[in-house]
Amino acid sequence: MMLEVLVANLSILKCSQGTIPSSLTIPPDNSVNLVTTGFPIATAAHHLPLVNILPFSMCKSWYNPTVLAAGLNLKPKPLIPFVDEPIPQPCIPMTFEKWEDGSKTTTVKGQSAVTMTSKCKCLWQGEITPVISSQFIVQAL
Protein backbone atom coordinates (compact mmCIF):
# COMPACT_ATOMS: atom_id res chain seq x y z
CA MET A 1 0.00 0.00 0.00
CA MET A 2 1.29 3.43 -0.96
CA LEU A 3 1.66 6.18 1.64
CA GLU A 4 -0.84 8.99 1.10
CA VAL A 5 0.28 12.53 1.86
CA LEU A 6 -2.73 14.52 3.03
CA VAL A 7 -3.38 18.14 2.09
CA ALA A 8 -4.51 20.64 4.72
CA ASN A 9 -4.96 24.35 5.35
CA LEU A 10 -2.16 26.50 3.87
CA SER A 11 -0.98 23.81 1.45
CA ILE A 12 0.40 25.25 -1.80
CA LEU A 13 -1.53 24.71 -5.04
CA LYS A 14 -0.77 25.35 -8.68
CA CYS A 15 -3.07 25.78 -11.66
CA SER A 16 -2.06 24.77 -15.17
CA GLN A 17 -3.50 28.09 -16.43
CA GLY A 18 -2.35 30.32 -13.54
CA THR A 19 0.86 32.33 -13.40
CA ILE A 20 1.86 31.79 -9.74
CA PRO A 21 1.06 29.23 -7.00
CA SER A 22 -1.64 29.92 -4.43
CA SER A 23 -2.67 28.49 -1.08
CA LEU A 24 -5.60 26.37 0.05
CA THR A 25 -7.82 27.71 2.82
CA ILE A 26 -9.70 25.26 5.04
CA PRO A 27 -11.98 26.59 7.80
CA PRO A 28 -11.12 25.58 11.37
CA ASP A 29 -14.55 23.96 11.89
CA ASN A 30 -13.44 20.79 10.08
CA SER A 31 -12.94 18.93 13.39
CA VAL A 32 -10.15 16.73 11.97
CA ASN A 33 -6.65 18.18 12.02
CA LEU A 34 -3.19 16.99 11.08
CA VAL A 35 -1.29 15.74 14.08
CA THR A 36 1.97 17.34 12.87
CA THR A 37 0.67 20.91 12.44
CA GLY A 38 -2.85 21.07 13.85
CA PHE A 39 -4.10 22.36 10.47
CA PRO A 40 -7.57 21.26 9.29
CA ILE A 41 -7.49 18.49 6.64
CA ALA A 42 -8.89 19.33 3.19
CA THR A 43 -11.72 17.23 1.77
CA ALA A 44 -13.28 16.83 -1.67
CA ALA A 45 -15.86 19.44 -0.65
CA HIS A 46 -13.22 22.18 -0.14
CA HIS A 47 -13.28 23.43 -3.73
CA LEU A 48 -15.13 26.73 -3.39
CA PRO A 49 -13.64 29.59 -5.43
CA LEU A 50 -12.24 32.49 -3.36
CA VAL A 51 -13.19 30.61 -0.17
CA ASN A 52 -11.00 27.49 -0.36
CA ILE A 53 -9.14 28.04 -3.63
CA LEU A 54 -7.55 31.47 -3.89
CA PRO A 55 -6.51 33.20 -7.16
CA PHE A 56 -3.36 32.16 -9.01
CA SER A 57 -2.52 35.80 -9.85
CA MET A 58 -3.20 35.83 -13.60
CA CYS A 59 -5.07 33.41 -15.88
CA LYS A 60 -3.73 32.56 -19.33
CA SER A 61 -6.59 30.36 -20.60
CA TRP A 62 -8.35 31.30 -23.83
CA TYR A 63 -11.49 29.71 -22.27
CA ASN A 64 -11.60 32.54 -19.70
CA PRO A 65 -13.89 35.28 -21.12
CA THR A 66 -11.66 38.09 -19.82
CA VAL A 67 -8.57 36.58 -21.49
CA LEU A 68 -10.56 36.10 -24.70
CA ALA A 69 -11.83 39.69 -24.63
CA ALA A 70 -8.33 41.07 -24.03
CA GLY A 71 -7.04 39.19 -27.08
CA LEU A 72 -9.94 40.01 -29.35
CA ASN A 73 -9.88 43.71 -28.40
CA LEU A 74 -6.14 44.15 -28.94
CA LYS A 75 -5.42 47.12 -31.23
CA PRO A 76 -4.41 47.48 -33.98
CA LYS A 77 -4.56 43.72 -34.66
CA PRO A 78 -6.65 41.30 -32.54
CA LEU A 79 -5.07 38.02 -31.48
CA ILE A 80 -6.28 34.70 -32.87
CA PRO A 81 -7.64 32.57 -30.00
CA PHE A 82 -5.83 29.25 -29.44
CA VAL A 83 -3.23 30.22 -32.08
CA ASP A 84 -1.60 33.33 -30.61
CA GLU A 85 -0.25 33.56 -27.07
CA PRO A 86 -3.03 34.88 -24.76
CA ILE A 87 -2.80 38.09 -22.74
CA PRO A 88 -3.13 36.94 -19.09
CA GLN A 89 -5.89 38.55 -17.03
CA PRO A 90 -6.63 38.48 -13.26
CA CYS A 91 -7.46 34.99 -12.05
CA ILE A 92 -10.80 34.24 -10.44
CA PRO A 93 -10.95 30.47 -9.90
CA MET A 94 -14.14 28.83 -11.17
CA THR A 95 -13.92 25.53 -9.30
CA PHE A 96 -17.49 24.28 -9.09
CA GLU A 97 -16.76 20.56 -8.95
CA LYS A 98 -15.31 18.62 -6.02
CA TRP A 99 -11.69 17.51 -5.82
CA GLU A 100 -11.08 14.26 -7.75
CA ASP A 101 -8.84 11.32 -6.87
CA GLY A 102 -9.11 11.78 -3.11
CA SER A 103 -7.88 9.44 -0.42
CA LYS A 104 -9.00 5.82 -0.61
CA THR A 105 -8.54 5.37 3.13
CA THR A 106 -9.16 8.72 4.86
CA THR A 107 -12.52 10.50 5.08
CA VAL A 108 -13.65 13.53 7.03
CA LYS A 109 -17.38 14.01 7.62
CA GLY A 110 -18.12 11.54 4.82
CA GLN A 111 -15.88 13.27 2.25
CA SER A 112 -12.62 11.79 0.99
CA ALA A 113 -9.51 13.68 2.11
CA VAL A 114 -7.48 15.56 -0.51
CA THR A 115 -4.05 14.06 -1.18
CA MET A 116 -1.02 15.18 -3.18
CA THR A 117 -2.40 13.26 -6.20
CA SER A 118 -5.84 14.94 -6.12
CA LYS A 119 -7.02 17.32 -8.84
CA CYS A 120 -9.63 20.06 -9.03
CA LYS A 121 -10.93 21.34 -12.36
CA CYS A 122 -11.48 25.01 -13.18
CA LEU A 123 -14.22 26.01 -15.62
CA TRP A 124 -11.53 27.80 -17.67
CA GLN A 125 -9.82 24.42 -18.35
CA GLY A 126 -7.21 24.78 -15.63
CA GLU A 127 -6.18 21.76 -13.57
CA ILE A 128 -5.41 22.58 -9.96
CA THR A 129 -3.07 20.29 -8.06
CA PRO A 130 -1.30 20.43 -4.69
CA VAL A 131 2.47 21.00 -4.92
CA ILE A 132 3.45 21.35 -1.25
CA SER A 133 1.47 19.83 1.63
CA SER A 134 1.27 21.84 4.83
CA GLN A 135 1.67 18.46 6.54
CA PHE A 136 5.41 19.17 6.30
CA ILE A 137 5.43 22.70 7.71
CA VAL A 138 7.47 22.75 10.88
CA GLN A 139 6.50 25.31 13.45
CA ALA A 140 9.32 27.20 15.16
CA LEU A 141 9.42 26.98 18.94
C-alpha atoms as a PDB file:
ATOM      1  CA  MET A   1       0.000   0.000   0.000  1.00  0.00           C
ATOM      2  CA  MET A   2       1.292   3.431  -0.956  1.00  0.00           C
ATOM      3  CA  LEU A   3       1.656   6.176   1.637  1.00  0.00           C
ATOM      4  CA  GLU A   4      -0.845   8.989   1.100  1.00  0.00           C
ATOM      5  CA  VAL A   5       0.281  12.528   1.860  1.00  0.00           C
ATOM      6  CA  LEU A   6      -2.730  14.523   3.028  1.00  0.00           C
ATOM      7  CA  VAL A   7      -3.379  18.138   2.085  1.00  0.00           C
ATOM      8  CA  ALA A   8      -4.514  20.643   4.718  1.00  0.00           C
ATOM      9  CA  ASN A   9      -4.960  24.355   5.352  1.00  0.00           C
ATOM     10  CA  LEU A  10      -2.155  26.503   3.872  1.00  0.00           C
ATOM     11  CA  SER A  11      -0.975  23.807   1.449  1.00  0.00           C
ATOM     12  CA  ILE A  12       0.396  25.255  -1.798  1.00  0.00           C
ATOM     13  CA  LEU A  13      -1.534  24.712  -5.037  1.00  0.00           C
ATOM     14  CA  LYS A  14      -0.765  25.351  -8.685  1.00  0.00           C
ATOM     15  CA  CYS A  15      -3.069  25.784 -11.663  1.00  0.00           C
ATOM     16  CA  SER A  16      -2.055  24.772 -15.170  1.00  0.00           C
ATOM     17  CA  GLN A  17      -3.496  28.089 -16.426  1.00  0.00           C
ATOM     18  CA  GLY A  18      -2.346  30.319 -13.540  1.00  0.00           C
ATOM     19  CA  THR A  19       0.862  32.331 -13.399  1.00  0.00           C
ATOM     20  CA  ILE A  20       1.864  31.790  -9.743  1.00  0.00           C
ATOM     21  CA  PRO A  21       1.058  29.234  -7.005  1.00  0.00           C
ATOM     22  CA  SER A  22      -1.638  29.915  -4.432  1.00  0.00           C
ATOM     23  CA  SER A  23      -2.672  28.493  -1.084  1.00  0.00           C
ATOM     24  CA  LEU A  24      -5.595  26.371   0.050  1.00  0.00           C
ATOM     25  CA  THR A  25      -7.816  27.706   2.821  1.00  0.00           C
ATOM     26  CA  ILE A  26      -9.697  25.261   5.039  1.00  0.00           C
ATOM     27  CA  PRO A  27     -11.983  26.593   7.798  1.00  0.00           C
ATOM     28  CA  PRO A  28     -11.116  25.576  11.367  1.00  0.00           C
ATOM     29  CA  ASP A  29     -14.549  23.958  11.890  1.00  0.00           C
ATOM     30  CA  ASN A  30     -13.435  20.793  10.083  1.00  0.00           C
ATOM     31  CA  SER A  31     -12.936  18.931  13.385  1.00  0.00           C
ATOM     32  CA  VAL A  32     -10.147  16.730  11.973  1.00  0.00           C
ATOM     33  CA  ASN A  33      -6.647  18.185  12.018  1.00  0.00           C
ATOM     34  CA  LEU A  34      -3.190  16.993  11.079  1.00  0.00           C
ATOM     35  CA  VAL A  35      -1.286  15.736  14.085  1.00  0.00           C
ATOM     36  CA  THR A  36       1.968  17.337  12.867  1.00  0.00           C
ATOM     37  CA  THR A  37       0.665  20.905  12.443  1.00  0.00           C
ATOM     38  CA  GLY A  38      -2.849  21.071  13.849  1.00  0.00           C
ATOM     39  CA  PHE A  39      -4.099  22.362  10.465  1.00  0.00           C
ATOM     40  CA  PRO A  40      -7.574  21.257   9.287  1.00  0.00           C
ATOM     41  CA  ILE A  41      -7.491  18.494   6.644  1.00  0.00           C
ATOM     42  CA  ALA A  42      -8.887  19.326   3.187  1.00  0.00           C
ATOM     43  CA  THR A  43     -11.719  17.225   1.775  1.00  0.00           C
ATOM     44  CA  ALA A  44     -13.278  16.828  -1.670  1.00  0.00           C
ATOM     45  CA  ALA A  45     -15.861  19.444  -0.647  1.00  0.00           C
ATOM     46  CA  HIS A  46     -13.221  22.185  -0.143  1.00  0.00           C
ATOM     47  CA  HIS A  47     -13.278  23.425  -3.735  1.00  0.00           C
ATOM     48  CA  LEU A  48     -15.126  26.725  -3.391  1.00  0.00           C
ATOM     49  CA  PRO A  49     -13.645  29.594  -5.433  1.00  0.00           C
ATOM     50  CA  LEU A  50     -12.244  32.485  -3.364  1.00  0.00           C
ATOM     51  CA  VAL A  51     -13.187  30.613  -0.172  1.00  0.00           C
ATOM     52  CA  ASN A  52     -10.998  27.494  -0.360  1.00  0.00           C
ATOM     53  CA  ILE A  53      -9.141  28.040  -3.631  1.00  0.00           C
ATOM     54  CA  LEU A  54      -7.553  31.467  -3.888  1.00  0.00           C
ATOM     55  CA  PRO A  55      -6.508  33.197  -7.159  1.00  0.00           C
ATOM     56  CA  PHE A  56      -3.359  32.161  -9.015  1.00  0.00           C
ATOM     57  CA  SER A  57      -2.518  35.802  -9.848  1.00  0.00           C
ATOM     58  CA  MET A  58      -3.201  35.832 -13.598  1.00  0.00           C
ATOM     59  CA  CYS A  59      -5.072  33.413 -15.877  1.00  0.00           C
ATOM     60  CA  LYS A  60      -3.733  32.562 -19.331  1.00  0.00           C
ATOM     61  CA  SER A  61      -6.586  30.364 -20.596  1.00  0.00           C
ATOM     62  CA  TRP A  62      -8.351  31.301 -23.827  1.00  0.00           C
ATOM     63  CA  TYR A  63     -11.490  29.709 -22.269  1.00  0.00           C
ATOM     64  CA  ASN A  64     -11.604  32.540 -19.700  1.00  0.00           C
ATOM     65  CA  PRO A  65     -13.892  35.280 -21.123  1.00  0.00           C
ATOM     66  CA  THR A  66     -11.661  38.092 -19.824  1.00  0.00           C
ATOM     67  CA  VAL A  67      -8.575  36.581 -21.487  1.00  0.00           C
ATOM     68  CA  LEU A  68     -10.556  36.097 -24.699  1.00  0.00           C
ATOM     69  CA  ALA A  69     -11.834  39.689 -24.631  1.00  0.00           C
ATOM     70  CA  ALA A  70      -8.327  41.072 -24.027  1.00  0.00           C
ATOM     71  CA  GLY A  71      -7.039  39.188 -27.077  1.00  0.00           C
ATOM     72  CA  LEU A  72      -9.940  40.014 -29.350  1.00  0.00           C
ATOM     73  CA  ASN A  73      -9.884  43.714 -28.396  1.00  0.00           C
ATOM     74  CA  LEU A  74      -6.139  44.151 -28.942  1.00  0.00           C
ATOM     75  CA  LYS A  75      -5.415  47.117 -31.232  1.00  0.00           C
ATOM     76  CA  PRO A  76      -4.408  47.478 -33.979  1.00  0.00           C
ATOM     77  CA  LYS A  77      -4.560  43.722 -34.657  1.00  0.00           C
ATOM     78  CA  PRO A  78      -6.645  41.303 -32.544  1.00  0.00           C
ATOM     79  CA  LEU A  79      -5.073  38.016 -31.480  1.00  0.00           C
ATOM     80  CA  ILE A  80      -6.279  34.697 -32.869  1.00  0.00           C
ATOM     81  CA  PRO A  81      -7.637  32.569 -30.002  1.00  0.00           C
ATOM     82  CA  PHE A  82      -5.831  29.250 -29.442  1.00  0.00           C
ATOM     83  CA  VAL A  83      -3.232  30.219 -32.080  1.00  0.00           C
ATOM     84  CA  ASP A  84      -1.603  33.331 -30.611  1.00  0.00           C
ATOM     85  CA  GLU A  85      -0.246  33.558 -27.073  1.00  0.00           C
ATOM     86  CA  PRO A  86      -3.033  34.878 -24.762  1.00  0.00           C
ATOM     87  CA  ILE A  87      -2.802  38.089 -22.742  1.00  0.00           C
ATOM     88  CA  PRO A  88      -3.125  36.943 -19.090  1.00  0.00           C
ATOM     89  CA  GLN A  89      -5.886  38.547 -17.031  1.00  0.00           C
ATOM     90  CA  PRO A  90      -6.626  38.483 -13.262  1.00  0.00           C
ATOM     91  CA  CYS A  91      -7.462  34.989 -12.051  1.00  0.00           C
ATOM     92  CA  ILE A  92     -10.799  34.241 -10.440  1.00  0.00           C
ATOM     93  CA  PRO A  93     -10.951  30.467  -9.903  1.00  0.00           C
ATOM     94  CA  MET A  94     -14.135  28.829 -11.174  1.00  0.00           C
ATOM     95  CA  THR A  95     -13.925  25.531  -9.297  1.00  0.00           C
ATOM     96  CA  PHE A  96     -17.489  24.284  -9.091  1.00  0.00           C
ATOM     97  CA  GLU A  97     -16.755  20.557  -8.954  1.00  0.00           C
ATOM     98  CA  LYS A  98     -15.311  18.615  -6.018  1.00  0.00           C
ATOM     99  CA  TRP A  99     -11.689  17.510  -5.821  1.00  0.00           C
ATOM    100  CA  GLU A 100     -11.079  14.259  -7.748  1.00  0.00           C
ATOM    101  CA  ASP A 101      -8.837  11.317  -6.866  1.00  0.00           C
ATOM    102  CA  GLY A 102      -9.112  11.779  -3.115  1.00  0.00           C
ATOM    103  CA  SER A 103      -7.878   9.436  -0.425  1.00  0.00           C
ATOM    104  CA  LYS A 104      -9.003   5.822  -0.609  1.00  0.00           C
ATOM    105  CA  THR A 105      -8.539   5.373   3.134  1.00  0.00           C
ATOM    106  CA  THR A 106      -9.161   8.722   4.863  1.00  0.00           C
ATOM    107  CA  THR A 107     -12.521  10.499   5.081  1.00  0.00           C
ATOM    108  CA  VAL A 108     -13.647  13.530   7.029  1.00  0.00           C
ATOM    109  CA  LYS A 109     -17.380  14.013   7.622  1.00  0.00           C
ATOM    110  CA  GLY A 110     -18.120  11.541   4.823  1.00  0.00           C
ATOM    111  CA  GLN A 111     -15.880  13.272   2.255  1.00  0.00           C
ATOM    112  CA  SER A 112     -12.623  11.791   0.990  1.00  0.00           C
ATOM    113  CA  ALA A 113      -9.514  13.676   2.111  1.00  0.00           C
ATOM    114  CA  VAL A 114      -7.484  15.564  -0.506  1.00  0.00           C
ATOM    115  CA  THR A 115      -4.052  14.056  -1.183  1.00  0.00           C
ATOM    116  CA  MET A 116      -1.023  15.184  -3.178  1.00  0.00           C
ATOM    117  CA  THR A 117      -2.395  13.262  -6.198  1.00  0.00           C
ATOM    118  CA  SER A 118      -5.840  14.937  -6.118  1.00  0.00           C
ATOM    119  CA  LYS A 119      -7.018  17.315  -8.839  1.00  0.00           C
ATOM    120  CA  CYS A 120      -9.627  20.062  -9.035  1.00  0.00           C
ATOM    121  CA  LYS A 121     -10.930  21.345 -12.362  1.00  0.00           C
ATOM    122  CA  CYS A 122     -11.478  25.013 -13.176  1.00  0.00           C
ATOM    123  CA  LEU A 123     -14.217  26.005 -15.619  1.00  0.00           C
ATOM    124  CA  TRP A 124     -11.527  27.798 -17.669  1.00  0.00           C
ATOM    125  CA  GLN A 125      -9.821  24.419 -18.350  1.00  0.00           C
ATOM    126  CA  GLY A 126      -7.209  24.784 -15.630  1.00  0.00           C
ATOM    127  CA  GLU A 127      -6.178  21.757 -13.572  1.00  0.00           C
ATOM    128  CA  ILE A 128      -5.414  22.577  -9.956  1.00  0.00           C
ATOM    129  CA  THR A 129      -3.073  20.287  -8.060  1.00  0.00           C
ATOM    130  CA  PRO A 130      -1.296  20.426  -4.694  1.00  0.00           C
ATOM    131  CA  VAL A 131       2.466  20.998  -4.922  1.00  0.00           C
ATOM    132  CA  ILE A 132       3.446  21.352  -1.245  1.00  0.00           C
ATOM    133  CA  SER A 133       1.473  19.832   1.628  1.00  0.00           C
ATOM    134  CA  SER A 134       1.272  21.839   4.831  1.00  0.00           C
ATOM    135  CA  GLN A 135       1.675  18.464   6.537  1.00  0.00           C
ATOM    136  CA  PHE A 136       5.409  19.166   6.300  1.00  0.00           C
ATOM    137  CA  ILE A 137       5.431  22.703   7.707  1.00  0.00           C
ATOM    138  CA  VAL A 138       7.475  22.752  10.884  1.00  0.00           C
ATOM    139  CA  GLN A 139       6.496  25.307  13.454  1.00  0.00           C
ATOM    140  CA  ALA A 140       9.324  27.198  15.163  1.00  0.00           C
ATOM    141  CA  LEU A 141       9.424  26.980  18.941  1.00  0.00           C
END
